[in-house]
């Protein structure tokens, strides 16, 4: 049971990270973020 809870938690974290990355892409496309800001924030999200 413990293993299943860990998998659900990891899945939720991954989903959350993907959502954040999509938001970053949208913000970059809209001109809100520079390429440098985008890359910095993307690294932070990916590294957790």
C-alpha atoms as a PDB file:
ATOM      1  CA  UNK A   1       0.000   0.000   0.000  1.00  0.00           C
ATOM      2  CA  UNK A   2       2.841   2.368   0.833  1.00  0.00           C
ATOM      3  CA  UNK A   3       4.310   1.866  -2.635  1.00  0.00           C
ATOM      4  CA  UNK A   4       1.019   2.818  -4.292  1.00  0.00           C
ATOM      5  CA  UNK A   5       0.820   6.048  -2.283  1.00  0.00           C
ATOM      6  CA  UNK A   6       4.373   6.947  -3.347  1.00  0.00           C
ATOM      7  CA  UNK A   7       3.488   6.349  -7.006  1.00  0.00           C
ATOM      8  CA  UNK A   8       0.381   8.534  -6.730  1.00  0.00           C
ATOM      9  CA  UNK A   9       2.429  11.276  -5.089  1.00  0.00           C
ATOM     10  CA  UNK A  10       5.122  11.123  -7.776  1.00  0.00           C
ATOM     11  CA  UNK A  11       2.464  11.165 -10.473  1.00  0.00           C
ATOM     12  CA  UNK A  12       0.844  14.248  -8.943  1.00  0.00           C
ATOM     13  CA  UNK A  13       4.226  15.985  -8.743  1.00  0.00           C
ATOM     14  CA  UNK A  14       4.976  15.183 -12.369  1.00  0.00           C
ATOM     15  CA  UNK A  15       1.557  16.424 -13.435  1.00  0.00           C
ATOM     16  CA  UNK A  16       2.062  19.613 -11.476  1.00  0.00           C
ATOM     17  CA  UNK A  17       5.488  20.138 -13.062  1.00  0.00           C
ATOM     18  CA  UNK A  18       4.041  19.638 -16.538  1.00  0.00           C
ATOM     19  CA  UNK A  19       1.301  22.175 -15.801  1.00  0.00           C
ATOM     20  CA  UNK A  20       3.882  24.686 -14.603  1.00  0.00           C
ATOM     21  CA  UNK A  21       6.012  24.132 -17.695  1.00  0.00           C
ATOM     22  CA  UNK A  22       2.986  24.675 -19.936  1.00  0.00           C
ATOM     23  CA  UNK A  23       2.293  27.945 -18.120  1.00  0.00           C
ATOM     24  CA  UNK A  24       5.901  29.018 -18.671  1.00  0.00           C
ATOM     25  CA  UNK A  25       5.647  28.274 -22.390  1.00  0.00           C
ATOM     26  CA  UNK A  26       2.462  30.328 -22.586  1.00  0.00           C
ATOM     27  CA  UNK A  27       4.089  33.215 -20.725  1.00  0.00           C
ATOM     28  CA  UNK A  28       7.139  33.103 -22.994  1.00  0.00           C
ATOM     29  CA  UNK A  29       4.947  33.006 -26.095  1.00  0.00           C
ATOM     30  CA  UNK A  30       2.989  36.006 -24.820  1.00  0.00           C
ATOM     31  CA  UNK A  31       6.220  37.946 -24.340  1.00  0.00           C
ATOM     32  CA  UNK A  32       5.876  38.036 -20.554  1.00  0.00           C
ATOM     33  CA  UNK A  33       9.112  36.098 -20.008  1.00  0.00           C
ATOM     34  CA  UNK A  34      12.446  36.480 -21.771  1.00  0.00           C
ATOM     35  CA  UNK A  35      14.293  33.411 -23.017  1.00  0.00           C
ATOM     36  CA  UNK A  36      16.688  33.711 -20.072  1.00  0.00           C
ATOM     37  CA  UNK A  37      13.864  33.931 -17.519  1.00  0.00           C
ATOM     38  CA  UNK A  38      12.127  30.995 -19.167  1.00  0.00           C
ATOM     39  CA  UNK A  39      15.240  28.801 -19.040  1.00  0.00           C
ATOM     40  CA  UNK A  40      15.964  29.715 -15.401  1.00  0.00           C
ATOM     41  CA  UNK A  41      12.428  28.944 -14.259  1.00  0.00           C
ATOM     42  CA  UNK A  42      12.269  25.765 -16.347  1.00  0.00           C
ATOM     43  CA  UNK A  43      15.414  24.419 -14.677  1.00  0.00           C
ATOM     44  CA  UNK A  44      13.981  25.134 -11.226  1.00  0.00           C
ATOM     45  CA  UNK A  45      10.779  23.260 -12.052  1.00  0.00           C
ATOM     46  CA  UNK A  46      12.587  20.274 -13.554  1.00  0.00           C
ATOM     47  CA  UNK A  47      15.013  20.004 -10.636  1.00  0.00           C
ATOM     48  CA  UNK A  48      12.117  20.066  -8.204  1.00  0.00           C
END
